[in-house]
Structure formats: C-alpha cells, structure tokens
Protein backbone atom coordinates (compact mmCIF):
# COMPACT_ATOMS: atom_id res chain seq x y z
CA MET A 1 153.85 -0.55 139.17
CA GLU A 2 155.12 -2.00 142.47
CA ARG A 3 155.34 -5.77 142.55
CA GLU A 4 155.92 -6.00 146.29
CA SER A 5 153.91 -4.12 148.87
CA ARG A 6 155.85 -1.93 151.26
CA TYR A 7 153.40 -2.87 154.01
CA PRO A 8 154.19 -5.96 156.12
CA MET A 9 151.49 -8.60 156.30
CA ILE A 10 150.11 -8.67 159.83
CA ASP A 11 147.91 -11.12 161.74
CA TRP A 12 144.22 -10.24 162.10
CA ARG A 13 144.47 -10.00 165.88
CA GLU A 14 147.47 -7.69 165.56
CA ALA A 15 145.41 -5.58 163.12
CA TRP A 16 142.67 -5.24 165.72
CA ARG A 17 145.19 -4.41 168.46
CA ARG A 18 146.49 -1.53 166.34
CA ILE A 19 142.95 -0.30 165.66
CA GLU A 20 142.01 -0.46 169.34
CA ALA A 21 145.20 1.33 170.38
CA GLU A 22 144.43 4.27 168.09
CA LEU A 23 140.74 4.83 168.90
CA ARG A 24 138.94 6.42 171.82
CA PRO A 25 135.21 6.89 172.47
CA LEU A 26 133.73 10.06 171.03
CA ARG A 27 133.44 13.08 173.32
CA PRO A 28 130.24 12.75 175.38
CA ALA A 29 127.31 15.09 174.90
CA THR A 30 124.19 15.78 176.96
CA VAL A 31 120.94 14.72 175.29
CA GLY A 32 117.32 14.36 176.33
CA LEU A 33 116.19 11.01 177.69
CA ASN A 34 113.95 10.30 174.67
CA ASP A 35 116.97 10.61 172.34
CA THR A 36 119.24 8.11 174.12
CA LEU A 37 117.98 4.83 172.65
CA GLY A 38 120.89 2.80 171.28
CA LEU A 39 123.56 5.09 172.72
CA THR A 40 125.93 4.35 175.60
CA LEU A 41 126.04 6.09 178.93
CA ALA A 42 129.06 8.27 179.74
CA GLN A 43 128.30 8.93 183.41
CA ASP A 44 127.38 7.20 186.63
CA VAL A 45 123.69 7.58 187.46
CA VAL A 46 123.04 7.68 191.20
CA ALA A 47 119.54 7.24 192.60
CA GLY A 48 118.42 10.26 194.59
CA GLU A 49 115.51 8.39 196.17
CA ASP A 50 114.23 4.96 197.05
CA ILE A 51 112.08 3.11 194.51
CA PRO A 52 109.48 2.48 195.61
CA ALA A 53 109.61 5.35 198.06
CA PHE A 54 107.07 3.60 200.32
CA ARG A 55 105.99 0.10 201.20
CA ALA A 56 103.74 -0.94 198.34
CA SER A 57 101.28 -3.75 197.81
CA ALA A 58 102.25 -6.28 195.16
CA MET A 59 98.69 -7.63 194.91
CA ASP A 60 95.05 -6.66 195.03
CA GLY A 61 93.89 -7.87 198.44
CA TYR A 62 93.80 -6.90 202.11
CA ALA A 63 96.51 -5.32 204.23
CA VAL A 64 96.63 -7.10 207.59
CA ILE A 65 98.79 -7.93 210.56
CA ALA A 66 100.15 -11.39 209.76
CA ALA A 67 99.88 -12.60 213.36
CA ASP A 68 96.24 -11.51 213.50
CA SER A 69 94.70 -13.49 210.64
CA THR A 70 92.58 -16.19 212.26
CA GLY A 71 89.20 -14.51 212.68
CA PRO A 72 87.07 -12.13 210.64
CA LEU A 73 88.57 -8.65 210.42
CA ARG A 74 86.75 -5.34 210.20
CA VAL A 75 87.48 -3.54 206.91
CA LEU A 76 88.50 0.05 207.66
CA GLY A 77 88.38 1.25 204.05
CA GLN A 78 90.12 0.97 200.72
CA GLN A 79 93.62 2.13 199.81
CA ASP A 80 93.98 2.83 196.08
CA ALA A 81 97.19 3.29 194.12
CA GLY A 82 98.20 6.93 193.96
CA HIS A 83 96.30 7.85 197.13
CA SER A 84 97.29 7.64 200.80
CA LEU A 85 94.45 7.67 203.31
CA PRO A 86 95.25 8.05 207.04
CA LEU A 87 94.32 4.44 207.78
CA VAL A 88 96.00 2.47 210.58
CA VAL A 89 95.67 -1.31 210.85
CA THR A 90 95.32 -2.61 214.40
CA PRO A 91 94.46 -6.12 215.68
CA GLY A 92 91.04 -7.14 214.41
CA THR A 93 91.13 -4.82 211.38
CA ALA A 94 92.21 -4.85 207.73
CA VAL A 95 92.34 -2.45 204.79
CA ARG A 96 91.22 -3.34 201.29
CA ILE A 97 94.19 -2.48 199.04
CA MET A 98 95.00 -2.27 195.33
CA THR A 99 98.24 -3.26 193.59
CA GLY A 100 100.83 -0.49 193.90
CA ALA A 101 99.08 1.29 196.76
CA ALA A 102 100.91 2.29 199.94
CA VAL A 103 100.60 -0.31 202.69
CA PRO A 104 98.93 1.42 205.64
CA THR A 105 100.63 1.92 208.96
CA GLY A 106 100.41 -1.14 211.21
CA ALA A 107 99.99 -3.72 208.44
CA ASP A 108 102.87 -6.07 207.66
CA ALA A 109 101.37 -8.33 204.98
CA VAL A 110 98.88 -8.39 202.13
CA VAL A 111 96.52 -11.31 201.55
CA PRO A 112 95.54 -11.74 197.87
CA VAL A 113 91.88 -11.08 197.25
CA GLU A 114 91.34 -14.59 195.90
CA HIS A 115 92.20 -15.97 199.36
CA THR A 116 89.56 -13.90 201.15
CA ARG A 117 85.81 -13.50 201.50
CA GLU A 118 84.22 -10.16 202.43
CA ALA A 119 80.66 -9.65 203.65
CA ASP A 120 78.96 -6.96 205.70
CA GLY A 121 82.16 -4.99 206.22
CA MET A 122 84.09 -7.99 207.52
CA VAL A 123 86.74 -10.03 205.71
CA THR A 124 87.65 -13.64 206.42
CA LEU A 125 91.10 -14.86 205.43
CA GLN A 126 91.11 -18.30 203.83
CA ALA A 127 94.88 -18.79 203.91
CA SER A 128 97.59 -18.08 206.42
CA VAL A 129 100.04 -15.29 205.67
CA GLN A 130 103.63 -14.56 206.68
CA PRO A 131 105.01 -11.13 207.61
CA GLY A 132 106.15 -9.32 204.46
CA ALA A 133 103.98 -11.36 202.10
CA SER A 134 103.06 -9.43 198.93
CA VAL A 135 104.65 -6.25 200.28
CA ARG A 136 107.34 -4.47 198.31
CA PRO A 137 109.58 -2.73 200.84
CA ALA A 138 110.75 0.82 200.23
CA GLY A 139 113.90 0.75 198.11
CA GLN A 140 113.32 -2.81 196.86
CA ASP A 141 114.01 -1.83 193.24
CA VAL A 142 116.52 0.95 193.87
CA ALA A 143 117.96 2.28 197.12
CA ARG A 144 118.83 5.93 197.50
CA GLY A 145 122.56 6.42 196.79
CA ASP A 146 122.84 3.32 194.59
CA VAL A 147 124.77 3.62 191.31
CA ILE A 148 122.07 2.22 189.08
CA LEU A 149 123.86 2.54 185.73
CA SER A 150 127.53 3.08 184.90
CA PRO A 151 129.51 4.39 181.91
CA GLY A 152 129.47 2.07 178.91
CA THR A 153 125.95 0.80 179.57
CA PRO A 154 123.95 0.48 176.31
CA LEU A 155 120.63 2.26 176.66
CA GLY A 156 117.61 0.17 175.73
CA ALA A 157 113.98 0.23 176.79
CA ALA A 158 114.60 -1.15 180.31
CA GLU A 159 117.50 1.23 181.00
CA ILE A 160 115.54 4.24 179.76
CA GLY A 161 112.56 3.21 181.88
CA LEU A 162 114.79 2.93 184.96
CA LEU A 163 116.32 6.34 184.26
CA ALA A 164 112.85 7.83 183.97
CA ALA A 165 111.88 6.19 187.26
CA VAL A 166 114.68 8.01 189.09
CA GLY A 167 113.82 11.33 187.45
CA GLN A 168 116.60 11.63 184.84
CA THR A 169 115.46 13.89 182.01
CA SER A 170 118.83 14.29 180.27
CA LEU A 171 122.03 12.26 180.21
CA LEU A 172 125.67 12.42 179.25
CA VAL A 173 126.13 9.87 176.44
CA HIS A 174 128.56 9.04 173.67
CA PRO A 175 127.03 10.24 170.39
CA GLN A 176 126.24 8.09 167.41
CA PRO A 177 129.33 8.06 165.12
CA ARG A 178 128.94 9.69 161.71
CA VAL A 179 130.56 7.59 158.98
CA ALA A 180 131.58 9.05 155.62
CA ILE A 181 131.39 6.56 152.74
CA ILE A 182 133.37 6.82 149.50
CA THR A 183 133.23 4.25 146.71
CA THR A 184 135.93 4.27 144.04
CA GLY A 185 136.75 2.77 140.67
CA ASP A 186 136.49 3.66 136.98
CA GLU A 187 134.57 0.43 136.41
CA ILE A 188 131.69 1.37 138.73
CA VAL A 189 128.40 2.80 137.43
CA PRO A 190 125.23 3.93 139.26
CA VAL A 191 122.74 1.22 140.15
CA ASP A 192 120.12 2.63 137.78
CA GLN A 193 122.51 2.55 134.81
CA PRO A 194 123.02 -0.60 132.70
CA PRO A 195 126.68 -1.60 133.02
CA GLY A 196 128.72 -1.70 129.86
CA PRO A 197 131.60 -4.06 129.07
CA GLY A 198 133.88 -4.35 132.10
CA GLN A 199 131.56 -2.29 134.32
CA LEU A 200 129.71 -3.10 137.55
CA ARG A 201 126.88 -1.42 139.42
CA ASN A 202 127.78 0.37 142.65
CA SER A 203 126.56 -2.24 145.13
CA ASN A 204 129.20 -1.33 147.73
CA GLN A 205 127.68 2.09 148.36
CA TYR A 206 124.32 0.58 149.33
CA ALA A 207 125.79 -2.36 151.23
CA LEU A 208 128.10 -0.18 153.32
CA CYS A 209 125.37 2.38 154.04
CA ALA A 210 123.19 -0.47 155.29
CA ALA A 211 126.03 -1.95 157.36
CA VAL A 212 126.71 1.44 158.96
CA ARG A 213 123.04 1.89 159.84
CA ALA A 214 122.85 -1.66 161.19
CA ALA A 215 125.77 -0.78 163.47
CA GLY A 216 123.69 2.07 164.91
CA CYS A 217 125.63 4.80 163.15
CA GLU A 218 124.82 7.58 160.70
CA PRO A 219 126.13 7.24 157.12
CA VAL A 220 127.35 10.36 155.32
CA LEU A 221 127.42 9.62 151.61
CA ILE A 222 130.34 11.31 149.86
CA GLY A 223 129.60 9.49 146.61
CA HIS A 224 131.36 7.51 143.93
CA ILE A 225 134.75 8.81 142.80
CA ALA A 226 136.65 7.73 139.71
CA ASP A 227 140.30 6.66 139.92
CA ASP A 228 141.53 10.21 139.66
CA GLU A 229 143.97 11.64 142.18
CA ALA A 230 142.52 15.15 142.29
CA ALA A 231 138.94 13.91 142.62
CA LEU A 232 139.91 11.44 145.36
CA ARG A 233 141.85 14.11 147.20
CA GLU A 234 138.83 16.42 147.21
CA ALA A 235 136.50 13.58 148.32
CA ILE A 236 138.74 12.59 151.21
CA GLU A 237 138.97 16.25 152.25
CA ARG A 238 135.17 16.43 152.39
CA ALA A 239 134.92 13.10 154.19
CA VAL A 240 137.31 13.87 157.04
CA ALA A 241 135.67 17.26 157.54
CA SER A 242 132.18 15.80 157.89
CA ALA A 243 132.48 12.56 159.85
CA ASP A 244 133.93 10.76 162.85
CA LEU A 245 135.23 7.91 160.68
CA VAL A 246 135.77 7.45 156.95
CA LEU A 247 135.23 4.34 154.85
CA SER A 248 136.31 3.93 151.26
CA SER A 249 135.98 0.84 149.12
CA GLY A 250 138.46 0.01 146.39
CA GLY A 251 141.78 1.55 145.44
CA VAL A 252 143.89 -0.13 148.16
CA SER A 253 145.53 -2.93 146.18
CA MET A 254 148.76 -2.67 144.15
CA GLY A 255 147.51 -1.65 140.72
CA ALA A 256 148.59 1.52 138.93
CA ARG A 257 145.17 3.06 139.61
CA ASP A 258 145.05 2.11 143.30
CA LEU A 259 145.56 5.61 144.67
CA ILE A 260 144.15 5.51 148.20
CA LYS A 261 147.25 4.40 150.14
CA PRO A 262 149.56 7.06 148.62
CA LEU A 263 147.04 9.79 149.49
CA LEU A 264 146.71 8.47 153.05
CA GLU A 265 150.50 8.41 153.41
CA GLU A 266 150.67 12.00 152.20
CA TRP A 267 148.05 13.35 154.60
CA GLY A 268 148.23 11.14 157.64
CA SER A 269 149.53 8.03 159.36
CA VAL A 270 148.97 4.57 157.88
CA HIS A 271 148.86 2.07 160.76
CA PHE A 272 148.73 -1.00 158.52
CA GLY A 273 148.14 -1.75 154.86
CA ARG A 274 147.85 -5.54 154.62
CA VAL A 275 146.29 -8.23 156.80
CA ALA A 276 146.87 -11.97 156.43
CA ILE A 277 143.21 -12.82 155.82
CA LYS A 278 140.98 -13.94 153.00
CA PRO A 279 138.95 -12.11 151.88
CA GLY A 280 140.34 -8.66 152.64
CA LYS A 281 144.15 -8.80 152.43
CA PRO A 282 144.64 -5.15 151.29
CA LEU A 283 142.59 -3.72 154.19
CA THR A 284 144.14 -0.41 155.26
CA PHE A 285 143.75 1.53 158.50
CA ALA A 286 144.99 5.09 158.87
CA HIS A 287 144.33 8.46 160.42
CA VAL A 288 143.84 11.56 158.28
CA ARG A 289 143.87 14.85 160.19
CA GLY A 290 142.88 13.04 163.35
CA VAL A 291 139.98 11.12 161.76
CA PRO A 292 140.21 7.30 161.55
CA TYR A 293 140.10 5.99 157.99
CA PHE A 294 139.44 2.44 156.77
CA GLY A 295 140.35 1.65 153.18
CA LEU A 296 138.31 -1.45 152.39
CA PRO A 297 138.95 -3.73 149.40
CA GLY A 298 136.69 -3.19 146.42
CA PHE A 299 135.31 -6.71 146.04
CA PRO A 300 131.85 -6.70 147.64
CA VAL A 301 132.44 -9.68 149.95
CA SER A 302 135.88 -8.42 150.98
CA SER A 303 134.37 -5.03 151.77
CA LEU A 304 131.55 -6.40 153.93
CA VAL A 305 133.62 -9.06 155.70
CA THR A 306 136.31 -6.57 156.69
CA PHE A 307 133.59 -4.17 157.81
CA GLU A 308 132.11 -6.89 160.01
CA VAL A 309 135.37 -8.05 161.55
CA PHE A 310 137.16 -4.70 161.97
CA VAL A 311 135.03 -1.63 161.22
CA ARG A 312 131.89 -2.54 163.15
CA PRO A 313 133.78 -3.13 166.42
CA ALA A 314 135.74 0.09 165.79
CA LEU A 315 132.46 1.99 165.50
CA ARG A 316 131.25 0.44 168.73
CA LEU A 317 134.47 1.52 170.43
CA LEU A 318 133.89 5.10 169.21
CA GLY A 319 130.35 4.85 170.55
CA GLY A 320 131.58 3.95 174.03
CA PHE A 321 130.43 0.31 174.05
CA ARG A 322 132.29 -2.19 176.21
CA ALA A 323 131.18 -5.24 174.19
CA LEU A 324 132.83 -4.82 170.79
CA HIS A 325 132.87 -8.18 168.99
CA ARG A 326 130.34 -10.79 167.95
CA PRO A 327 130.24 -14.00 169.96
CA ARG A 328 132.46 -16.88 168.86
CA VAL A 329 131.20 -20.46 168.93
CA THR A 330 132.55 -23.85 168.01
CA ALA A 331 130.68 -25.36 165.06
CA THR A 332 130.68 -28.83 163.52
CA LEU A 333 131.09 -28.93 159.74
CA ALA A 334 128.13 -30.47 157.92
CA HIS A 335 130.36 -31.31 154.93
CA PRO A 336 134.04 -31.21 153.96
CA ILE A 337 135.50 -27.86 152.92
CA ARG A 338 138.74 -26.64 151.37
CA HIS A 339 140.56 -23.37 151.63
CA ALA A 340 143.87 -21.86 150.55
CA PRO A 341 146.17 -22.44 153.54
CA ASP A 342 148.41 -19.39 153.06
CA ARG A 343 146.07 -17.06 155.03
CA LEU A 344 143.37 -17.27 157.64
CA GLU A 345 140.01 -17.35 155.85
CA PHE A 346 136.54 -16.22 156.83
CA GLN A 347 134.14 -18.52 154.99
CA ARG A 348 130.49 -17.53 154.95
CA ALA A 349 128.19 -20.10 156.49
CA MET A 350 124.80 -20.89 157.88
CA LEU A 351 124.97 -21.89 161.55
CA SER A 352 122.07 -23.94 162.84
CA PRO A 353 121.51 -25.58 166.23
CA GLY A 354 122.08 -29.34 166.24
CA ASP A 355 122.03 -32.16 168.76
CA ASP A 356 125.67 -31.49 169.65
CA GLY A 357 125.90 -27.71 169.37
CA TRP A 358 126.15 -25.62 166.23
CA LEU A 359 126.19 -27.16 162.74
CA ALA A 360 127.88 -25.20 159.93
CA THR A 361 127.03 -25.29 156.22
CA VAL A 362 128.98 -22.98 153.90
CA THR A 363 127.05 -20.85 151.44
CA GLY A 364 128.52 -22.17 148.20
CA ASP A 365 131.36 -20.70 146.17
CA GLN A 366 133.46 -18.50 148.47
CA VAL A 367 135.16 -16.21 145.94
CA SER A 368 135.32 -12.61 147.16
CA GLY A 369 133.34 -11.21 144.22
CA ARG A 370 130.32 -13.43 144.90
CA LEU A 371 128.11 -11.28 147.12
CA LYS A 372 125.48 -14.02 147.19
CA SER A 373 127.78 -16.00 149.51
CA LEU A 374 126.84 -13.51 152.26
CA VAL A 375 123.11 -13.60 151.58
CA GLY A 376 121.49 -15.56 154.40
CA ALA A 377 124.81 -16.21 156.13
CA ASN A 378 124.73 -15.85 159.91
CA GLY A 379 128.29 -16.96 160.57
CA LEU A 380 131.88 -16.54 159.45
CA LEU A 381 133.95 -19.69 159.83
CA ILE A 382 137.47 -18.87 161.04
CA LEU A 383 139.71 -21.25 159.09
CA PRO A 384 143.34 -20.98 160.23
CA GLU A 385 146.28 -20.82 157.89
CA GLY A 386 148.32 -23.97 157.31
CA ILE A 387 145.35 -26.33 156.89
CA ALA A 388 143.98 -26.87 153.38
CA GLN A 389 141.17 -29.33 154.02
CA PHE A 390 138.60 -29.85 156.75
CA ALA A 391 136.60 -33.06 156.94
CA ARG A 392 132.90 -33.42 157.62
CA GLY A 393 132.41 -33.52 161.38
CA GLU A 394 135.48 -31.43 162.20
CA ARG A 395 134.94 -28.55 164.60
CA VAL A 396 135.96 -24.99 163.78
CA GLN A 397 135.53 -21.56 165.34
CA ALA A 398 132.90 -19.22 163.95
CA LEU A 399 131.75 -15.64 164.45
CA CYS A 400 127.97 -15.34 164.88
CA ILE A 401 127.41 -12.24 162.75
CA THR A 402 123.69 -11.84 163.48
CA HIS A 403 124.08 -12.04 167.29
CA PRO A 404 124.63 -9.01 169.55
CA GLU A 405 128.20 -8.27 170.53
CA VAL A 406 129.41 -9.81 173.77
CA GLU A 407 133.22 -9.88 173.53
CA ARG A 408 135.68 -7.16 174.50
CA ALA A 409 138.67 -8.65 172.67
CA LEU A 410 139.21 -10.88 169.64
C-alpha cells in the first residue's frame, strides 16, 4: 500500500479554478415555456412589441383632460378593459374608465373614482390632476426592440410571466444536469438492513440524491458497489454513459481497497486528487470519456461538505448559471473554537442575526463521521490553516449554505 499520495495537495481555491477551467455549460435545447422553471436562458429575448401596446389606465376612475378639470364634465360612456370604444375626450367631457382599459383619444390623465362624484351623467372632480396621472404610457413595461432577458438568466415565476407577456412559447435553455451517483465500500449495507459488526447503512446514497435534487438537478442512481475492481469498472461505465456528471462516494483515500483513483487514471484525466481542506482532503476531480467525475470521500460529512463547496457550483456552471457560489459573510464567534491548523477547515455552524451582524455557533463535535453536525447547520465557517484557536468574539468568514448563490468566484 502507498504511504505517500502521488497527488500534490492543492489549495481549495486552486481546486475550484481547475474545476471551472474544465467545465462548460451543457448544450442548449429548446423547450416549452411551461417547462423552463429553474433553468437558465441560453438566448437573448427581444421584445417584438410594446407592453402595454396602448396607453392604459392604472386606476378605476375617469379619463379627462388635465387642464379641463374645474367644472362638471359630461360623461361620454364607459371604457372597460379589453374593449376599445370610439370615444374621444374633448373639453367639458370625460370617460368613465376601468383599470387596464385603453385611455381614449384626447384624454391625458385619469382621476381615481374616489376623488369624483357622478350624478345625472355629469362628473365633478374633487381633486386636481396633472397630465399623465394614473396613465401607463405605451411601452412603459417593455419597449419594442428591448432585450428583456439575456443568457444566464435564471427562469423563475416573474421571468416566465414576462416571457409569456411578449409571446414566447418556447425558449433555448440549458438543460437540467443529470447526475449519476455511485456509493462504494464493503462495509456499507442497505438502509433497511440491520448493520453487522463493522458495517454502516448507506446514508450517502440518500444524502447525495437529496443534495442533487436540491441543486435543481436530476439524480441517476447507479447503486452501491462493493470494493471490487470489476464491479466498479462496470458501474463507472454505466454512469458515464447515462449522465452529465458522475459522483461517487468512498474509495478515494490511500487504502488497499481504495480503487477509484486508479480506475480514473486508466480511463481518463485526473485533474486533482487531494485538497488541503478538512473535511474532504481526498476529494478527486477527473474526466472520464468527456464526462466530469467527482470522487467524494466516504465519510458522510466529508461527502456533503465537498458537494456543497465544489460539486454544487460545478452543477450550476453546467446549468448555465452566472451565480455559482453561496454568499460569504463575516460572523462573530459566540464561543471559542479549536481546529487542527494544518489545513483550512469548514466547521458546521448555526448563523443567526445579532446586534452587530451574524453570530456563529458551531454544531458540536466536528468529526467528519458525525452527520448530525450538519443537521440544522446553515453555515460553514472557513477557518484558515495556521491558526489553532479562535476566541469568543473573533470574526471569521462563513459560507451561508441555505442562501441562494450570488457569487461568481470563490
């Protein structure tokens, strides 16, 4: 068994730079508007018309000439939304109008109904009005020829509504990445099987499937594979043939039964095999037959932390997103903490708003096998190497792992 890894230990930011350099957004595809939620746009969308296409009333009231609002005005009729009667407002007249209706020719303002009194076909205005009041000009929302959305825009309810408003029924978008998941290890048993001596239930399979779904991607479950070279080879073959990215957990350390790295070297290019972080030092990133492959450590916390810091932003990059990383904040420690100073460490913590910004409380024992340390955590404290102790009240950087991504770079 090797006692020294052949892979140099690299900084976490260097690890991300290598990941980013090797990935490109997935090839765009055209899909129907109703199927675009959560995807990113891969085209410019140009408005072919003004919205609104006509001057529209912003209130229920009366369309008038602003300079002609001192005396009672004769009501010519009523303009309803969705209808356009041939009414023309001249001095001494007004048109009763509903919200969203086209402002009739001649009128330049709308007086809200609550500021009027109508009787016997005449309306009296009880407040002065300025030209343009309560009138939405044509093109106020969108002007014809405007680029209303650009590539990389995430598509949510407002964006989809805007696209519908300009008549877009289908769009060019980056598809949702499909992620193949392999769990490994002779010690792992199914979750419905009582573990025997030295065995553990397969929590990583469920945790990683959930993390993939939470990232807006589609998991493809390859299954659990024992530490057997032939079985792993066949599983990796299936994975790279069925997905846009492959995840495996376990088998990337330096034990005699850690077989993932040799197989990746045989079939593809290993971009890095160790990162100077805790948890997650043996994290491996490679390409196999053109498909990106992340070999995650087998410890549950190591697997999920490395997913959060590296795999999730990689999936967003494949999906065409511009914002890739969670926001970073400065947090004040609620109590003293210690950490091994030989590597940068991501300690799991609860971040809560305080009088002077964010307050951080770690979630107990931080060993990488204790999955409970991630339960309820909404932050990862970024503790730099070279410092073993942090006092209560010291300020540290933290990733907000329950907030939407806002950063392009680490």
